[in-house]
Amino acid sequence: MTLRLLALTLLVPFAAYTGWTLMNAEQSLVAFGLELMARPDTAQVVIDLYLMAGLGCCWMVSDNCRRRGTWISVLPYLLLTAVFVSLGPLLYLAIRGVSSERQA
């Protein structure tokens, strides 16, 4: 339960901040991503971020399999991770926790 609460505590303000920045952005998310990939220094940060996103996706799929869930049940979290990176795993943790947690 503590992990779920921590994830929710991080998710809510970060999702709100992400939404606020997207509403006030002067360019699209795709244009921003392409601009970041144009320079080696910022491209390295993006690549690093998506490597961690990939690891997060692997963990969510693995955790979902341990719960005997279907692949479709984890798909929304994977898609959210593909676009907004940390929001997918944070939402997964806030809603589902981890399979080793005791069910209360």
PDB file of N, CA and C in Angstrom:
ATOM      1  N   MET A   1       0.819  -1.198   0.000  1.00  0.00           N
ATOM      2  CA  MET A   1       0.000   0.000   0.000  1.00  0.00           C
ATOM      3  C   MET A   1       0.863   1.263   0.000  1.00  0.00           C
ATOM      4  N   THR A   2       1.998   1.207   0.685  1.00  0.00           N
ATOM      5  CA  THR A   2       2.880   2.367   0.739  1.00  0.00           C
ATOM      6  C   THR A   2       3.406   2.718  -0.644  1.00  0.00           C
ATOM      7  N   LEU A   3       3.778   1.692  -1.424  1.00  0.00           N
ATOM      8  CA  LEU A   3       4.272   1.924  -2.779  1.00  0.00           C
ATOM      9  C   LEU A   3       3.186   2.546  -3.649  1.00  0.00           C
ATOM     10  N   ARG A   4       1.973   2.057  -3.514  1.00  0.00           N
ATOM     11  CA  ARG A   4       0.860   2.621  -4.286  1.00  0.00           C
ATOM     12  C   ARG A   4       0.637   4.089  -3.939  1.00  0.00           C
ATOM     13  N   LEU A   5       0.698   4.406  -2.663  1.00  0.00           N
ATOM     14  CA  LEU A   5       0.504   5.787  -2.216  1.00  0.00           C
ATOM     15  C   LEU A   5       1.629   6.688  -2.714  1.00  0.00           C
ATOM     16  N   LEU A   6       2.852   6.204  -2.662  1.00  0.00           N
ATOM     17  CA  LEU A   6       3.991   6.970  -3.171  1.00  0.00           C
ATOM     18  C   LEU A   6       3.843   7.221  -4.670  1.00  0.00           C
ATOM     19  N   ALA A   7       3.474   6.171  -5.416  1.00  0.00           N
ATOM     20  CA  ALA A   7       3.293   6.319  -6.862  1.00  0.00           C
ATOM     21  C   ALA A   7       2.191   7.328  -7.173  1.00  0.00           C
ATOM     22  N   LEU A   8       1.105   7.265  -6.433  1.00  0.00           N
ATOM     23  CA  LEU A   8       0.003   8.207  -6.649  1.00  0.00           C
ATOM     24  C   LEU A   8       0.417   9.632  -6.297  1.00  0.00           C
ATOM     25  N   THR A   9       1.180   9.776  -5.221  1.00  0.00           N
ATOM     26  CA  THR A   9       1.667  11.091  -4.800  1.00  0.00           C
ATOM     27  C   THR A   9       2.575  11.714  -5.854  1.00  0.00           C
ATOM     28  N   LEU A  10       3.349  10.902  -6.538  1.00  0.00           N
ATOM     29  CA  LEU A  10       4.211  11.398  -7.613  1.00  0.00           C
ATOM     30  C   LEU A  10       3.434  11.593  -8.910  1.00  0.00           C
ATOM     31  N   LEU A  11       2.499  10.691  -9.179  1.00  0.00           N
ATOM     32  CA  LEU A  11       1.756  10.708 -10.439  1.00  0.00           C
ATOM     33  C   LEU A  11       0.889  11.960 -10.597  1.00  0.00           C
ATOM     34  N   VAL A  12       0.144  12.311  -9.582  1.00  0.00           N
ATOM     35  CA  VAL A  12      -0.828  13.402  -9.711  1.00  0.00           C
ATOM     36  C   VAL A  12      -0.167  14.737 -10.059  1.00  0.00           C
ATOM     37  N   PRO A  13       0.822  15.207  -9.288  1.00  0.00           N
ATOM     38  CA  PRO A  13       1.415  16.497  -9.669  1.00  0.00           C
ATOM     39  C   PRO A  13       2.208  16.429 -10.969  1.00  0.00           C
ATOM     40  N   PHE A  14       2.866  15.295 -11.229  1.00  0.00           N
ATOM     41  CA  PHE A  14       3.638  15.192 -12.463  1.00  0.00           C
ATOM     42  C   PHE A  14       2.724  15.154 -13.680  1.00  0.00           C
ATOM     43  N   ALA A  15       1.605  14.448 -13.593  1.00  0.00           N
ATOM     44  CA  ALA A  15       0.647  14.417 -14.703  1.00  0.00           C
ATOM     45  C   ALA A  15       0.037  15.801 -14.918  1.00  0.00           C
ATOM     46  N   ALA A  16      -0.257  16.497 -13.824  1.00  0.00           N
ATOM     47  CA  ALA A  16      -0.799  17.856 -13.942  1.00  0.00           C
ATOM     48  C   ALA A  16       0.218  18.787 -14.593  1.00  0.00           C
ATOM     49  N   TYR A  17       1.465  18.684 -14.178  1.00  0.00           N
ATOM     50  CA  TYR A  17       2.515  19.521 -14.762  1.00  0.00           C
ATOM     51  C   TYR A  17       2.719  19.184 -16.240  1.00  0.00           C
ATOM     52  N   THR A  18       2.688  17.901 -16.573  1.00  0.00           N
ATOM     53  CA  THR A  18       2.826  17.482 -17.969  1.00  0.00           C
ATOM     54  C   THR A  18       1.684  18.045 -18.809  1.00  0.00           C
ATOM     55  N   GLY A  19       0.465  17.936 -18.307  1.00  0.00           N
ATOM     56  CA  GLY A  19      -0.683  18.493 -19.020  1.00  0.00           C
ATOM     57  C   GLY A  19      -0.578  19.993 -19.205  1.00  0.00           C
ATOM     58  N   TRP A  20      -0.149  20.684 -18.154  1.00  0.00           N
ATOM     59  CA  TRP A  20       0.012  22.143 -18.223  1.00  0.00           C
ATOM     60  C   TRP A  20       1.058  22.527 -19.264  1.00  0.00           C
ATOM     61  N   THR A  21       2.194  21.827 -19.278  1.00  0.00           N
ATOM     62  CA  THR A  21       3.239  22.168 -20.246  1.00  0.00           C
ATOM     63  C   THR A  21       2.793  21.871 -21.672  1.00  0.00           C
ATOM     64  N   LEU A  22       2.042  20.796 -21.875  1.00  0.00           N
ATOM     65  CA  LEU A  22       1.552  20.488 -23.221  1.00  0.00           C
ATOM     66  C   LEU A  22       0.544  21.529 -23.700  1.00  0.00           C
ATOM     67  N   MET A  23      -0.277  22.022 -22.783  1.00  0.00           N
ATOM     68  CA  MET A  23      -1.261  23.039 -23.161  1.00  0.00           C
ATOM     69  C   MET A  23      -0.596  24.373 -23.507  1.00  0.00           C
ATOM     70  N   ASN A  24       0.546  24.651 -22.898  1.00  0.00           N
ATOM     71  CA  ASN A  24       1.231  25.925 -23.111  1.00  0.00           C
ATOM     72  C   ASN A  24       2.398  25.833 -24.092  1.00  0.00           C
ATOM     73  N   ALA A  25       2.630  24.664 -24.649  1.00  0.00           N
ATOM     74  CA  ALA A  25       3.765  24.478 -25.557  1.00  0.00           C
ATOM     75  C   ALA A  25       3.540  25.225 -26.865  1.00  0.00           C
ATOM     76  N   GLU A  26       4.637  25.712 -27.415  1.00  0.00           N
ATOM     77  CA  GLU A  26       4.564  26.437 -28.681  1.00  0.00           C
ATOM     78  C   GLU A  26       4.760  25.523 -29.887  1.00  0.00           C
ATOM     79  N   GLN A  27       5.061  24.265 -29.633  1.00  0.00           N
ATOM     80  CA  GLN A  27       5.236  23.305 -30.726  1.00  0.00           C
ATOM     81  C   GLN A  27       4.644  21.967 -30.306  1.00  0.00           C
ATOM     82  N   SER A  28       4.444  21.095 -31.285  1.00  0.00           N
ATOM     83  CA  SER A  28       3.868  19.790 -30.982  1.00  0.00           C
ATOM     84  C   SER A  28       4.880  18.917 -30.246  1.00  0.00           C
ATOM     85  N   LEU A  29       4.385  17.864 -29.636  1.00  0.00           N
ATOM     86  CA  LEU A  29       5.245  16.920 -28.922  1.00  0.00           C
ATOM     87  C   LEU A  29       6.220  16.246 -29.884  1.00  0.00           C
ATOM     88  N   VAL A  30       5.767  15.933 -31.089  1.00  0.00           N
ATOM     89  CA  VAL A  30       6.631  15.307 -32.096  1.00  0.00           C
ATOM     90  C   VAL A  30       7.738  16.268 -32.519  1.00  0.00           C
ATOM     91  N   ALA A  31       7.386  17.521 -32.782  1.00  0.00           N
ATOM     92  CA  ALA A  31       8.394  18.515 -33.176  1.00  0.00           C
ATOM     93  C   ALA A  31       9.420  18.715 -32.067  1.00  0.00           C
ATOM     94  N   PHE A  32       8.956  18.729 -30.839  1.00  0.00           N
ATOM     95  CA  PHE A  32       9.861  18.870 -29.702  1.00  0.00           C
ATOM     96  C   PHE A  32      10.817  17.682 -29.619  1.00  0.00           C
ATOM     97  N   GLY A  33      10.288  16.477 -29.805  1.00  0.00           N
ATOM     98  CA  GLY A  33      11.127  15.276 -29.779  1.00  0.00           C
ATOM     99  C   GLY A  33      12.162  15.275 -30.889  1.00  0.00           C
ATOM    100  N   LEU A  34      11.754  15.679 -32.080  1.00  0.00           N
ATOM    101  CA  LEU A  34      12.698  15.737 -33.202  1.00  0.00           C
ATOM    102  C   LEU A  34      13.784  16.777 -32.961  1.00  0.00           C
ATOM    103  N   GLU A  35      13.409  17.887 -32.350  1.00  0.00           N
ATOM    104  CA  GLU A  35      14.392  18.919 -32.019  1.00  0.00           C
ATOM    105  C   GLU A  35      15.405  18.397 -30.992  1.00  0.00           C
ATOM    106  N   LEU A  36      14.918  17.638 -30.027  1.00  0.00           N
ATOM    107  CA  LEU A  36      15.826  17.060 -29.029  1.00  0.00           C
ATOM    108  C   LEU A  36      16.797  16.060 -29.661  1.00  0.00           C
ATOM    109  N   MET A  37      16.317  15.295 -30.620  1.00  0.00           N
ATOM    110  CA  MET A  37      17.157  14.275 -31.257  1.00  0.00           C
ATOM    111  C   MET A  37      18.153  14.874 -32.249  1.00  0.00           C
ATOM    112  N   ALA A  38      18.024  16.145 -32.573  1.00  0.00           N
ATOM    113  CA  ALA A  38      18.905  16.786 -33.554  1.00  0.00           C
ATOM    114  C   ALA A  38      20.304  17.056 -33.005  1.00  0.00           C
ATOM    115  N   ARG A  39      20.448  17.129 -31.690  1.00  0.00           N
ATOM    116  CA  ARG A  39      21.755  17.401 -31.080  1.00  0.00           C
ATOM    117  C   ARG A  39      22.208  16.185 -30.283  1.00  0.00           C
ATOM    118  N   PRO A  40      23.487  15.830 -30.364  1.00  0.00           N
ATOM    119  CA  PRO A  40      23.972  14.633 -29.665  1.00  0.00           C
ATOM    120  C   PRO A  40      23.792  14.679 -28.144  1.00  0.00           C
ATOM    121  N   ASP A  41      23.959  15.839 -27.533  1.00  0.00           N
ATOM    122  CA  ASP A  41      23.856  15.903 -26.073  1.00  0.00           C
ATOM    123  C   ASP A  41      22.427  15.669 -25.588  1.00  0.00           C
ATOM    124  N   THR A  42      21.457  16.283 -26.240  1.00  0.00           N
ATOM    125  CA  THR A  42      20.073  16.064 -25.827  1.00  0.00           C
ATOM    126  C   THR A  42      19.551  14.717 -26.322  1.00  0.00           C
ATOM    127  N   ALA A  43      20.069  14.241 -27.453  1.00  0.00           N
ATOM    128  CA  ALA A  43      19.682  12.917 -27.945  1.00  0.00           C
ATOM    129  C   ALA A  43      20.092  11.841 -26.943  1.00  0.00           C
ATOM    130  N   GLN A  44      21.251  12.019 -26.304  1.00  0.00           N
ATOM    131  CA  GLN A  44      21.706  11.045 -25.314  1.00  0.00           C
ATOM    132  C   GLN A  44      20.724  10.972 -24.147  1.00  0.00           C
ATOM    133  N   VAL A  45      20.200  12.105 -23.720  1.00  0.00           N
ATOM    134  CA  VAL A  45      19.240  12.128 -22.615  1.00  0.00           C
ATOM    135  C   VAL A  45      17.948  11.423 -23.023  1.00  0.00           C
ATOM    136  N   VAL A  46      17.481  11.671 -24.242  1.00  0.00           N
ATOM    137  CA  VAL A  46      16.263  11.030 -24.739  1.00  0.00           C
ATOM    138  C   VAL A  46      16.466   9.522 -24.846  1.00  0.00           C
ATOM    139  N   ILE A  47      17.603   9.103 -25.375  1.00  0.00           N
ATOM    140  CA  ILE A  47      17.893   7.672 -25.497  1.00  0.00           C
ATOM    141  C   ILE A  47      17.941   7.023 -24.122  1.00  0.00           C
ATOM    142  N   ASP A  48      18.598   7.674 -23.170  1.00  0.00           N
ATOM    143  CA  ASP A  48      18.668   7.166 -21.801  1.00  0.00           C
ATOM    144  C   ASP A  48      17.274   7.028 -21.198  1.00  0.00           C
ATOM    145  N   LEU A  49      16.438   8.029 -21.418  1.00  0.00           N
ATOM    146  CA  LEU A  49      15.077   8.012 -20.898  1.00  0.00           C
ATOM    147  C   LEU A  49      14.287   6.844 -21.479  1.00  0.00           C
ATOM    148  N   TYR A  50      14.415   6.622 -22.784  1.00  0.00           N
ATOM    149  CA  TYR A  50      13.662   5.539 -23.409  1.00  0.00           C
ATOM    150  C   TYR A  50      14.241   4.159 -23.112  1.00  0.00           C
ATOM    151  N   LEU A  51      15.523   4.072 -22.793  1.00  0.00           N
ATOM    152  CA  LEU A  51      16.066   2.797 -22.309  1.00  0.00           C
ATOM    153  C   LEU A  51      15.402   2.424 -20.983  1.00  0.00           C
ATOM    154  N   MET A  52      15.277   3.401 -20.095  1.00  0.00           N
ATOM    155  CA  MET A  52      14.596   3.150 -18.822  1.00  0.00           C
ATOM    156  C   MET A  52      13.111   2.857 -19.039  1.00  0.00           C
ATOM    157  N   ALA A  53      12.503   3.520 -20.008  1.00  0.00           N
ATOM    158  CA  ALA A  53      11.099   3.248 -20.317  1.00  0.00           C
ATOM    159  C   ALA A  53      10.935   1.809 -20.795  1.00  0.00           C
ATOM    160  N   GLY A  54      11.877   1.345 -21.610  1.00  0.00           N
ATOM    161  CA  GLY A  54      11.844  -0.039 -22.073  1.00  0.00           C
ATOM    162  C   GLY A  54      11.961  -1.028 -20.929  1.00  0.00           C
ATOM    163  N   LEU A  55      12.855  -0.727 -19.983  1.00  0.00           N
ATOM    164  CA  LEU A  55      12.983  -1.583 -18.800  1.00  0.00           C
ATOM    165  C   LEU A  55      11.696  -1.565 -17.974  1.00  0.00           C
ATOM    166  N   GLY A  56      11.083  -0.387 -17.865  1.00  0.00           N
ATOM    167  CA  GLY A  56       9.811  -0.287 -17.148  1.00  0.00           C
ATOM    168  C   GLY A  56       8.719  -1.106 -17.824  1.00  0.00           C
ATOM    169  N   CYS A  57       8.691  -1.084 -19.152  1.00  0.00           N
ATOM    170  CA  CYS A  57       7.708  -1.879 -19.895  1.00  0.00           C
ATOM    171  C   CYS A  57       7.942  -3.370 -19.679  1.00  0.00           C
ATOM    172  N   CYS A  58       9.206  -3.782 -19.714  1.00  0.00           N
ATOM    173  CA  CYS A  58       9.530  -5.197 -19.454  1.00  0.00           C
ATOM    174  C   CYS A  58       9.060  -5.601 -18.066  1.00  0.00           C
ATOM    175  N   TRP A  59       9.292  -4.741 -17.082  1.00  0.00           N
ATOM    176  CA  TRP A  59       8.860  -5.048 -15.722  1.00  0.00           C
ATOM    177  C   TRP A  59       7.336  -5.138 -15.635  1.00  0.00           C
ATOM    178  N   MET A  60       6.615  -4.199 -16.262  1.00  0.00           N
ATOM    179  CA  MET A  60       5.152  -4.230 -16.191  1.00  0.00           C
ATOM    180  C   MET A  60       4.594  -5.494 -16.832  1.00  0.00           C
ATOM    181  N   VAL A  61       5.157  -5.895 -17.973  1.00  0.00           N
ATOM    182  CA  VAL A  61       4.706  -7.120 -18.638  1.00  0.00           C
ATOM    183  C   VAL A  61       4.997  -8.329 -17.756  1.00  0.00           C
ATOM    184  N   SER A  62       6.198  -8.375 -17.181  1.00  0.00           N
ATOM    185  CA  SER A  62       6.572  -9.480 -16.306  1.00  0.00           C
ATOM    186  C   SER A  62       5.659  -9.552 -15.077  1.00  0.00           C
ATOM    187  N   ASP A  63       5.408  -8.412 -14.458  1.00  0.00           N
ATOM    188  CA  ASP A  63       4.533  -8.371 -13.288  1.00  0.00           C
ATOM    189  C   ASP A  63       3.119  -8.796 -13.662  1.00  0.00           C
ATOM    190  N   ASN A  64       2.657  -8.357 -14.814  1.00  0.00           N
ATOM    191  CA  ASN A  64       1.327  -8.725 -15.285  1.00  0.00           C
ATOM    192  C   ASN A  64       1.236 -10.229 -15.541  1.00  0.00           C
ATOM    193  N   CYS A  65       2.297 -10.821 -16.086  1.00  0.00           N
ATOM    194  CA  CYS A  65       2.306 -12.275 -16.317  1.00  0.00           C
ATOM    195  C   CYS A  65       2.265 -13.030 -14.990  1.00  0.00           C
ATOM    196  N   ARG A  66       2.992 -12.539 -13.982  1.00  0.00           N
ATOM    197  CA  ARG A  66       2.966 -13.173 -12.663  1.00  0.00           C
ATOM    198  C   ARG A  66       1.567 -13.135 -12.059  1.00  0.00           C
ATOM    199  N   ARG A  67       0.803 -12.136 -12.419  1.00  0.00           N
ATOM    200  CA  ARG A  67      -0.578 -12.026 -11.936  1.00  0.00           C
ATOM    201  C   ARG A  67      -1.534 -12.847 -12.800  1.00  0.00           C
ATOM    202  N   ARG A  68      -0.988 -13.493 -13.813  1.00  0.00           N
ATOM    203  CA  ARG A  68      -1.774 -14.261 -14.787  1.00  0.00           C
ATOM    204  C   ARG A  68      -2.752 -13.371 -15.555  1.00  0.00           C
ATOM    205  N   GLY A  69      -2.297 -12.149 -15.839  1.00  0.00           N
ATOM    206  CA  GLY A  69      -3.114 -11.216 -16.609  1.00  0.00           C
ATOM    207  C   GLY A  69      -2.890 -11.399 -18.105  1.00  0.00           C
ATOM    208  N   THR A  70      -3.801 -10.887 -18.891  1.00  0.00           N
ATOM    209  CA  THR A  70      -3.655 -10.950 -20.342  1.00  0.00           C
ATOM    210  C   THR A  70      -2.796  -9.781 -20.810  1.00  0.00           C
ATOM    211  N   TRP A  71      -2.210  -9.912 -21.971  1.00  0.00           N
ATOM    212  CA  TRP A  71      -1.352  -8.848 -22.491  1.00  0.00           C
ATOM    213  C   TRP A  71      -2.153  -7.578 -22.738  1.00  0.00           C
ATOM    214  N   ILE A  72      -3.424  -7.722 -23.055  1.00  0.00           N
ATOM    215  CA  ILE A  72      -4.256  -6.550 -23.339  1.00  0.00           C
ATOM    216  C   ILE A  72      -4.465  -5.694 -22.084  1.00  0.00           C
ATOM    217  N   SER A  73      -4.401  -6.313 -20.913  1.00  0.00           N
ATOM    218  CA  SER A  73      -4.615  -5.545 -19.679  1.00  0.00           C
ATOM    219  C   SER A  73      -3.448  -4.617 -19.357  1.00  0.00           C
ATOM    220  N   VAL A  74      -2.263  -4.909 -19.892  1.00  0.00           N
ATOM    221  CA  VAL A  74      -1.099  -4.058 -19.640  1.00  0.00           C
ATOM    222  C   VAL A  74      -0.847  -3.093 -20.810  1.00  0.00           C
ATOM    223  N   LEU A  75      -1.524  -3.293 -21.925  1.00  0.00           N
ATOM    224  CA  LEU A  75      -1.316  -2.475 -23.119  1.00  0.00           C
ATOM    225  C   LEU A  75      -1.518  -0.968 -22.888  1.00  0.00           C
ATOM    226  N   PRO A  76      -2.552  -0.523 -22.176  1.00  0.00           N
ATOM    227  CA  PRO A  76      -2.690   0.930 -21.955  1.00  0.00           C
ATOM    228  C   PRO A  76      -1.488   1.540 -21.233  1.00  0.00           C
ATOM    229  N   TYR A  77      -0.925   0.813 -20.285  1.00  0.00           N
ATOM    230  CA  TYR A  77       0.252   1.308 -19.564  1.00  0.00           C
ATOM    231  C   TYR A  77       1.464   1.384 -20.492  1.00  0.00           C
ATOM    232  N   LEU A  78       1.592   0.412 -21.378  1.00  0.00           N
ATOM    233  CA  LEU A  78       2.709   0.408 -22.331  1.00  0.00           C
ATOM    234  C   LEU A  78       2.595   1.577 -23.306  1.00  0.00           C
ATOM    235  N   LEU A  79       1.386   1.834 -23.793  1.00  0.00           N
ATOM    236  CA  LEU A  79       1.179   2.952 -24.717  1.00  0.00           C
ATOM    237  C   LEU A  79       1.436   4.289 -24.028  1.00  0.00           C
ATOM    238  N   LEU A  80       0.982   4.415 -22.799  1.00  0.00           N
ATOM    239  CA  LEU A  80       1.231   5.639 -22.034  1.00  0.00           C
ATOM    240  C   LEU A  80       2.727   5.828 -21.807  1.00  0.00           C
ATOM    241  N   THR A  81       3.430   4.737 -21.552  1.00  0.00           N
ATOM    242  CA  THR A  81       4.881   4.797 -21.365  1.00  0.00           C
ATOM    243  C   THR A  81       5.576   5.201 -22.660  1.00  0.00           C
ATOM    244  N   ALA A  82       5.098   4.709 -23.794  1.00  0.00           N
ATOM    245  CA  ALA A  82       5.716   5.042 -25.081  1.00  0.00           C
ATOM    246  C   ALA A  82       5.630   6.536 -25.384  1.00  0.00           C
ATOM    247  N   VAL A  83       4.582   7.185 -24.911  1.00  0.00           N
ATOM    248  CA  VAL A  83       4.405   8.607 -25.196  1.00  0.00           C
ATOM    249  C   VAL A  83       4.936   9.498 -24.073  1.00  0.00           C
ATOM    250  N   PHE A  84       4.597   9.171 -22.836  1.00  0.00           N
ATOM    251  CA  PHE A  84       4.931  10.045 -21.704  1.00  0.00           C
ATOM    252  C   PHE A  84       5.918   9.427 -20.714  1.00  0.00           C
ATOM    253  N   VAL A  85       6.543   8.348 -21.085  1.00  0.00           N
ATOM    254  CA  VAL A  85       7.581   7.628 -20.346  1.00  0.00           C
ATOM    255  C   VAL A  85       7.188   7.303 -18.904  1.00  0.00           C
ATOM    256  N   SER A  86       7.438   8.156 -17.949  1.00  0.00           N
ATOM    257  CA  SER A  86       7.258   7.777 -16.540  1.00  0.00           C
ATOM    258  C   SER A  86       5.796   7.708 -16.093  1.00  0.00           C
ATOM    259  N   LEU A  87       4.886   8.302 -16.833  1.00  0.00           N
ATOM    260  CA  LEU A  87       3.485   8.256 -16.422  1.00  0.00           C
ATOM    261  C   LEU A  87       2.914   6.838 -16.484  1.00  0.00           C
ATOM    262  N   GLY A  88       3.355   6.030 -17.435  1.00  0.00           N
ATOM    263  CA  GLY A  88       2.859   4.655 -17.554  1.00  0.00           C
ATOM    264  C   GLY A  88       3.182   3.802 -16.336  1.00  0.00           C
ATOM    265  N   PRO A  89       4.466   3.671 -15.978  1.00  0.00           N
ATOM    266  CA  PRO A  89       4.795   2.885 -14.783  1.00  0.00           C
ATOM    267  C   PRO A  89       4.223   3.472 -13.488  1.00  0.00           C
ATOM    268  N   LEU A  90       4.187   4.795 -13.372  1.00  0.00           N
ATOM    269  CA  LEU A  90       3.602   5.391 -12.164  1.00  0.00           C
ATOM    270  C   LEU A  90       2.121   5.043 -12.042  1.00  0.00           C
ATOM    271  N   LEU A  91       1.392   5.115 -13.149  1.00  0.00           N
ATOM    272  CA  LEU A  91      -0.026   4.761 -13.117  1.00  0.00           C
ATOM    273  C   LEU A  91      -0.204   3.278 -12.809  1.00  0.00           C
ATOM    274  N   TYR A  92       0.637   2.433 -13.403  1.00  0.00           N
ATOM    275  CA  TYR A  92       0.586   0.989 -13.141  1.00  0.00           C
ATOM    276  C   TYR A  92       0.775   0.722 -11.649  1.00  0.00           C
ATOM    277  N   LEU A  93       1.787   1.349 -11.058  1.00  0.00           N
ATOM    278  CA  LEU A  93       2.043   1.153  -9.629  1.00  0.00           C
ATOM    279  C   LEU A  93       0.911   1.697  -8.768  1.00  0.00           C
ATOM    280  N   ALA A  94       0.376   2.851  -9.136  1.00  0.00           N
ATOM    281  CA  ALA A  94      -0.699   3.457  -8.349  1.00  0.00           C
ATOM    282  C   ALA A  94      -1.964   2.606  -8.380  1.00  0.00           C
ATOM    283  N   ILE A  95      -2.245   1.984  -9.517  1.00  0.00           N
ATOM    284  CA  ILE A  95      -3.471   1.201  -9.649  1.00  0.00           C
ATOM    285  C   ILE A  95      -3.275  -0.250  -9.227  1.00  0.00           C
ATOM    286  N   ARG A  96      -2.193  -0.866  -9.670  1.00  0.00           N
ATOM    287  CA  ARG A  96      -2.030  -2.301  -9.475  1.00  0.00           C
ATOM    288  C   ARG A  96      -1.021  -2.690  -8.411  1.00  0.00           C
ATOM    289  N   GLY A  97      -0.130  -1.780  -8.031  1.00  0.00           N
ATOM    290  CA  GLY A  97       0.914  -2.158  -7.082  1.00  0.00           C
ATOM    291  C   GLY A  97       1.869  -3.144  -7.726  1.00  0.00           C
ATOM    292  N   VAL A  98       2.449  -4.027  -6.936  1.00  0.00           N
ATOM    293  CA  VAL A  98       3.315  -5.079  -7.469  1.00  0.00           C
ATOM    294  C   VAL A  98       2.764  -6.424  -7.032  1.00  0.00           C
ATOM    295  N   SER A  99       3.069  -7.464  -7.788  1.00  0.00           N
ATOM    296  CA  SER A  99       2.480  -8.774  -7.521  1.00  0.00           C
ATOM    297  C   SER A  99       2.905  -9.359  -6.184  1.00  0.00           C
ATOM    298  N   SER A 100       4.045  -8.937  -5.640  1.00  0.00           N
ATOM    299  CA  SER A 100       4.506  -9.490  -4.368  1.00  0.00           C
ATOM    300  C   SER A 100       3.837  -8.843  -3.157  1.00  0.00           C
ATOM    301  N   GLU A 101       3.079  -7.742  -3.375  1.00  0.00           N
ATOM    302  CA  GLU A 101       2.362  -7.103  -2.268  1.00  0.00           C
ATOM    303  C   GLU A 101       1.265  -8.022  -1.766  1.00  0.00           C
ATOM    304  N   ARG A 102       1.040  -7.989  -0.475  1.00  0.00           N
ATOM    305  CA  ARG A 102      -0.072  -8.750   0.092  1.00  0.00           C
ATOM    306  C   ARG A 102      -1.384  -8.078  -0.274  1.00  0.00           C
ATOM    307  N   GLN A 103      -2.344  -8.883  -0.615  1.00  0.00           N
ATOM    308  CA  GLN A 103      -3.668  -8.347  -0.916  1.00  0.00           C
ATOM    309  C   GLN A 103      -4.425  -8.166   0.391  1.00  0.00           C
ATOM    310  N   ALA A 104      -4.849  -6.937   0.674  1.00  0.00           N
ATOM    311  CA  ALA A 104      -5.550  -6.664   1.936  1.00  0.00           C
ATOM    312  C   ALA A 104      -7.041  -6.859   1.796  1.00  0.00           C
TER     313      ALA A 104
END
